[in-house]
Amino acid sequence: MRPMFGIKPKIMTDEGSKGGEGPLCIQEPWPGMAISIWGSPQRFKETYFTAFPGYYFTGDGAICNERGFWKITGRVDDVINVTGKLKMAVG
């Protein structure tokens, strides 16, 4: 697929340079982007903006081919782990 208008994705390597496959970052803010984590703005900054300074790190890996089509390959930070059933509190 191609990125939504106004969103400028970049593939980064561990050294921060652009590549064809690797961690997916976003170069500029976009409408609807979160600006904090409730109660912990510092955690938001550390989580999304320190791995690749100047870029928003999505936590996903991606591939961009020579025609400009993007494919998300999965999580690279191993944050999402589904281990049980969804439980809802009813009060």
N, C-alpha and C. Protein backbone atom coordinates (compact mmCIF):
# COMPACT_ATOMS: atom_id res chain seq x y z
N MET A 1 0.83 -1.17 0.00
CA MET A 1 0.00 0.00 0.00
C MET A 1 0.88 1.24 0.00
N ARG A 2 0.30 2.36 -0.20
CA ARG A 2 1.02 3.64 -0.14
C ARG A 2 0.59 4.38 1.12
N PRO A 3 1.45 5.25 1.64
CA PRO A 3 1.09 5.98 2.86
C PRO A 3 -0.04 6.98 2.60
N MET A 4 -0.78 7.27 3.65
CA MET A 4 -1.84 8.27 3.59
C MET A 4 -1.23 9.63 3.29
N PHE A 5 -1.96 10.47 2.59
CA PHE A 5 -1.48 11.81 2.27
C PHE A 5 -1.05 12.55 3.53
N GLY A 6 0.09 13.20 3.48
CA GLY A 6 0.58 13.98 4.61
C GLY A 6 1.43 13.19 5.59
N ILE A 7 1.45 11.87 5.47
CA ILE A 7 2.27 11.05 6.35
C ILE A 7 3.54 10.67 5.60
N LYS A 8 4.68 10.97 6.20
CA LYS A 8 5.97 10.73 5.55
C LYS A 8 6.75 9.64 6.30
N PRO A 9 6.54 8.37 5.90
CA PRO A 9 7.23 7.28 6.57
C PRO A 9 8.69 7.18 6.12
N LYS A 10 9.51 6.65 7.01
CA LYS A 10 10.93 6.40 6.72
C LYS A 10 11.30 5.05 7.32
N ILE A 11 12.12 4.30 6.60
CA ILE A 11 12.69 3.06 7.12
C ILE A 11 14.05 3.43 7.70
N MET A 12 14.31 2.99 8.93
CA MET A 12 15.55 3.35 9.60
C MET A 12 16.35 2.09 9.94
N THR A 13 17.66 2.27 10.04
CA THR A 13 18.52 1.20 10.54
C THR A 13 18.91 1.58 11.96
N ASP A 14 19.65 0.72 12.63
CA ASP A 14 20.08 1.03 13.99
C ASP A 14 20.97 2.27 14.03
N GLU A 15 21.66 2.57 12.94
CA GLU A 15 22.52 3.75 12.89
C GLU A 15 21.73 5.01 12.56
N GLY A 16 20.44 4.87 12.23
CA GLY A 16 19.60 6.02 11.96
C GLY A 16 19.51 6.39 10.49
N SER A 17 20.19 5.67 9.61
CA SER A 17 20.12 6.00 8.20
C SER A 17 18.93 5.30 7.55
N LYS A 18 18.53 5.79 6.40
CA LYS A 18 17.39 5.23 5.70
C LYS A 18 17.78 3.95 4.97
N GLY A 19 16.89 2.99 4.97
CA GLY A 19 17.14 1.74 4.28
C GLY A 19 15.88 1.23 3.61
N GLY A 20 15.91 0.04 3.02
CA GLY A 20 14.75 -0.52 2.33
C GLY A 20 13.90 -1.42 3.19
N GLU A 21 14.47 -1.89 4.32
CA GLU A 21 13.73 -2.75 5.24
C GLU A 21 14.25 -2.49 6.65
N GLY A 22 13.34 -2.36 7.61
CA GLY A 22 13.74 -2.12 8.99
C GLY A 22 12.65 -1.45 9.78
N PRO A 23 13.02 -0.81 10.89
CA PRO A 23 12.04 -0.14 11.74
C PRO A 23 11.36 1.01 10.99
N LEU A 24 10.05 1.10 11.17
CA LEU A 24 9.25 2.14 10.52
C LEU A 24 9.14 3.36 11.42
N CYS A 25 9.52 4.50 10.89
CA CYS A 25 9.41 5.77 11.59
C CYS A 25 8.59 6.74 10.76
N ILE A 26 8.06 7.75 11.40
CA ILE A 26 7.32 8.80 10.71
C ILE A 26 8.11 10.09 10.87
N GLN A 27 8.30 10.79 9.75
CA GLN A 27 9.17 11.97 9.73
C GLN A 27 8.53 13.21 10.33
N GLU A 28 7.25 13.43 10.11
CA GLU A 28 6.59 14.66 10.58
C GLU A 28 5.28 14.32 11.28
N PRO A 29 4.81 15.21 12.15
CA PRO A 29 3.51 14.97 12.80
C PRO A 29 2.38 14.93 11.78
N TRP A 30 1.27 14.28 12.14
CA TRP A 30 0.11 14.20 11.27
C TRP A 30 -1.15 14.45 12.08
N PRO A 31 -2.25 14.83 11.43
CA PRO A 31 -3.50 15.06 12.16
C PRO A 31 -3.93 13.80 12.92
N GLY A 32 -4.33 13.95 14.15
CA GLY A 32 -4.78 12.84 14.95
C GLY A 32 -3.67 12.12 15.70
N MET A 33 -2.44 12.59 15.57
CA MET A 33 -1.32 11.96 16.27
C MET A 33 -1.45 12.20 17.78
N ALA A 34 -1.18 11.17 18.56
CA ALA A 34 -1.18 11.33 20.02
C ALA A 34 -0.06 12.30 20.42
N ILE A 35 -0.29 13.02 21.50
CA ILE A 35 0.73 13.96 21.96
C ILE A 35 1.28 13.60 23.34
N SER A 36 0.71 12.57 23.96
CA SER A 36 1.19 12.17 25.28
C SER A 36 0.59 10.81 25.65
N ILE A 37 1.10 10.24 26.73
CA ILE A 37 0.50 9.08 27.37
C ILE A 37 -0.12 9.63 28.65
N TRP A 38 -1.35 9.28 28.93
CA TRP A 38 -2.07 9.82 30.09
C TRP A 38 -1.24 9.69 31.36
N GLY A 39 -0.97 10.81 31.97
CA GLY A 39 -0.24 10.82 33.23
C GLY A 39 1.26 10.66 33.11
N SER A 40 1.79 10.51 31.90
CA SER A 40 3.22 10.31 31.77
C SER A 40 3.75 10.83 30.42
N PRO A 41 3.78 12.15 30.26
CA PRO A 41 4.30 12.69 29.00
C PRO A 41 5.77 12.33 28.76
N GLN A 42 6.54 12.17 29.81
CA GLN A 42 7.96 11.81 29.65
C GLN A 42 8.09 10.39 29.10
N ARG A 43 7.23 9.48 29.55
CA ARG A 43 7.25 8.12 29.03
C ARG A 43 6.92 8.09 27.54
N PHE A 44 5.96 8.93 27.12
CA PHE A 44 5.62 9.04 25.70
C PHE A 44 6.83 9.46 24.89
N LYS A 45 7.52 10.47 25.37
CA LYS A 45 8.72 10.97 24.67
C LYS A 45 9.80 9.89 24.60
N GLU A 46 10.05 9.21 25.70
CA GLU A 46 11.08 8.17 25.74
C GLU A 46 10.72 6.97 24.85
N THR A 47 9.44 6.60 24.81
CA THR A 47 9.01 5.45 24.05
C THR A 47 9.06 5.68 22.54
N TYR A 48 8.61 6.84 22.10
CA TYR A 48 8.42 7.06 20.66
C TYR A 48 9.45 7.96 19.99
N PHE A 49 10.24 8.71 20.75
CA PHE A 49 11.12 9.69 20.12
C PHE A 49 12.61 9.55 20.44
N THR A 50 13.01 8.57 21.25
CA THR A 50 14.43 8.45 21.59
C THR A 50 15.18 7.42 20.75
N ALA A 51 14.50 6.41 20.23
CA ALA A 51 15.18 5.38 19.44
C ALA A 51 15.81 5.97 18.18
N PHE A 52 15.10 6.88 17.54
CA PHE A 52 15.58 7.55 16.32
C PHE A 52 15.28 9.04 16.47
N PRO A 53 16.20 9.80 17.06
CA PRO A 53 15.94 11.22 17.32
C PRO A 53 15.48 11.98 16.07
N GLY A 54 14.42 12.76 16.27
CA GLY A 54 13.85 13.53 15.17
C GLY A 54 12.76 12.80 14.41
N TYR A 55 12.52 11.53 14.76
CA TYR A 55 11.49 10.72 14.10
C TYR A 55 10.60 10.07 15.14
N TYR A 56 9.34 9.83 14.77
CA TYR A 56 8.40 9.09 15.61
C TYR A 56 8.57 7.60 15.28
N PHE A 57 8.95 6.78 16.25
CA PHE A 57 9.14 5.35 16.05
C PHE A 57 7.82 4.63 16.31
N THR A 58 7.29 3.95 15.30
CA THR A 58 5.99 3.30 15.42
C THR A 58 6.04 1.99 16.19
N GLY A 59 7.22 1.36 16.26
CA GLY A 59 7.32 0.04 16.89
C GLY A 59 7.13 -1.09 15.89
N ASP A 60 6.86 -0.73 14.63
CA ASP A 60 6.65 -1.73 13.58
C ASP A 60 7.85 -1.80 12.66
N GLY A 61 8.02 -2.94 12.02
CA GLY A 61 8.99 -3.09 10.95
C GLY A 61 8.26 -2.94 9.63
N ALA A 62 8.98 -2.55 8.59
CA ALA A 62 8.34 -2.37 7.29
C ALA A 62 9.35 -2.57 6.17
N ILE A 63 8.81 -2.76 4.98
CA ILE A 63 9.59 -2.85 3.75
C ILE A 63 8.99 -1.86 2.78
N CYS A 64 9.83 -1.13 2.07
CA CYS A 64 9.38 -0.25 1.00
C CYS A 64 10.10 -0.67 -0.28
N ASN A 65 9.34 -1.02 -1.31
CA ASN A 65 9.98 -1.47 -2.55
C ASN A 65 10.32 -0.28 -3.44
N GLU A 66 10.95 -0.56 -4.56
CA GLU A 66 11.43 0.50 -5.46
C GLU A 66 10.29 1.30 -6.10
N ARG A 67 9.06 0.75 -6.10
CA ARG A 67 7.91 1.47 -6.66
C ARG A 67 7.19 2.32 -5.62
N GLY A 68 7.67 2.29 -4.37
CA GLY A 68 7.06 3.11 -3.32
C GLY A 68 5.91 2.46 -2.58
N PHE A 69 5.77 1.14 -2.71
CA PHE A 69 4.74 0.42 -1.98
C PHE A 69 5.30 -0.09 -0.66
N TRP A 70 4.53 0.06 0.40
CA TRP A 70 4.95 -0.27 1.76
C TRP A 70 4.25 -1.53 2.24
N LYS A 71 4.96 -2.31 3.06
CA LYS A 71 4.39 -3.49 3.70
C LYS A 71 4.85 -3.51 5.16
N ILE A 72 3.91 -3.57 6.08
CA ILE A 72 4.22 -3.70 7.49
C ILE A 72 4.56 -5.17 7.75
N THR A 73 5.73 -5.42 8.37
CA THR A 73 6.16 -6.80 8.59
C THR A 73 5.88 -7.29 10.01
N GLY A 74 5.53 -6.40 10.92
CA GLY A 74 5.20 -6.81 12.29
C GLY A 74 5.89 -5.94 13.31
N ARG A 75 5.67 -6.25 14.57
CA ARG A 75 6.25 -5.49 15.67
C ARG A 75 7.74 -5.80 15.79
N VAL A 76 8.55 -4.77 16.05
CA VAL A 76 9.98 -4.97 16.24
C VAL A 76 10.39 -4.77 17.69
N ASP A 77 9.53 -4.16 18.48
CA ASP A 77 9.89 -3.88 19.88
C ASP A 77 9.32 -4.91 20.84
N ASP A 78 8.59 -5.91 20.34
CA ASP A 78 8.06 -7.01 21.15
C ASP A 78 7.23 -6.51 22.32
N VAL A 79 6.41 -5.49 22.07
CA VAL A 79 5.58 -4.92 23.13
C VAL A 79 4.26 -5.65 23.26
N ILE A 80 3.69 -6.04 22.16
CA ILE A 80 2.36 -6.65 22.19
C ILE A 80 2.48 -8.16 22.37
N ASN A 81 1.99 -8.64 23.49
CA ASN A 81 1.96 -10.07 23.76
C ASN A 81 0.55 -10.43 24.20
N VAL A 82 -0.13 -11.26 23.45
CA VAL A 82 -1.48 -11.69 23.80
C VAL A 82 -1.35 -13.02 24.49
N THR A 83 -1.71 -13.07 25.77
CA THR A 83 -1.52 -14.30 26.53
C THR A 83 -2.77 -14.84 27.19
N GLY A 84 -3.85 -14.10 27.15
CA GLY A 84 -5.04 -14.57 27.83
C GLY A 84 -6.29 -14.03 27.21
N LYS A 85 -7.39 -14.22 27.93
CA LYS A 85 -8.69 -13.77 27.45
C LYS A 85 -8.93 -12.32 27.88
N LEU A 86 -9.72 -11.64 27.08
CA LEU A 86 -10.13 -10.28 27.43
C LEU A 86 -11.12 -10.34 28.57
N LYS A 87 -10.83 -9.61 29.63
CA LYS A 87 -11.74 -9.57 30.78
C LYS A 87 -12.21 -8.14 30.94
N MET A 88 -13.50 -7.98 31.08
CA MET A 88 -14.08 -6.65 31.23
C MET A 88 -14.62 -6.49 32.63
N ALA A 89 -14.34 -5.33 33.21
CA ALA A 89 -14.88 -5.02 34.53
C ALA A 89 -16.26 -4.38 34.35
N VAL A 90 -17.24 -4.95 34.97
CA VAL A 90 -18.60 -4.40 34.90
C VAL A 90 -18.93 -3.83 36.27
N GLY A 91 -19.26 -2.56 36.28
CA GLY A 91 -19.49 -1.96 37.58
C GLY A 91 -20.65 -1.16 37.58
